């Protein structure tokens, strides 16, 4: 099967490396240097869990270029880059999967001509080590649900051996759960400059984390009786990923633009619609924006 992966970050390289074992994979990168590096190396190197080198090719995706015919396309770029990608894939009829943090990108997908548009989440841990290499740091799952169009289970059955993807009938609760986790952990670690585990081992950070979780849940309209379940999920993720730096903290350290708008920005918009007061979430949002403006210092 011809599979295109848009995005040469940690998850994009992980998918390309795994799926390339049984399919013809093309990675569409933002920079020419990364595409050249992948083509020069002949493929993707995965370290960590189940290390492997997989042959694949790469192309640069510029604003004026279009993605060639693919039987499946998986978009792994950050939310902020989706708008720039859409013109390059607008013409495609084949199934397209979007794997992003947050939910503010969903409304942008309505204009696509694809017969099957899926959205989903990934719980695999990965860290890009080089333009051609990613470290698979934690096994997880990829869950997707149909956003619009017709289901194409046959496509995902065909890649199950190389990289299982679970199709769920209602992806919305999964997206909300992932959003709550990201909204609580990512901005707080970025502001405090700590790994995920310290949010629960430091008693003051833990109390702060739990209060932020309550506000996020209220802002998203989650029933009060369910707040404890979401809090337990956040604490569990912190425990499981204790030695990891969140993606927002890594972005801050590298002075890259964070996903704060698509995560906390979305939460604030939802809270405003519901006329919920979420002062701590608003303050956390402004702290991250301020750190971005000052170069992460």
Foldseek 3Di string as FASTA:
>chain_A
DEEEEEEQFFVSLVCQQLLLVPYAYEYEYQDPVLQVVQVVVQAAFEAAPPTDTGGYHYHYDALPEADDAGQEYEYEDELVCVVSCCVRQQPYQHEYEYEYAFDPCLVVCPSRNHQWYKYWYWPWDWHADDSRYIYRHGDTAIEIETSDHDDDVVVQVVRCVRHHYHYDHDRVVVNLLRLLLCLLQQLLCLLVVAALLCCPVPVVSVVLSLLLSQLLCVLQVHDPVCSVVSSVVNNVVSVVRVVHHDPNNVCLVVLHDGSLCRRLVVSVVSSVVVVHDNPSSVVSSVSSVVCSVVSSD
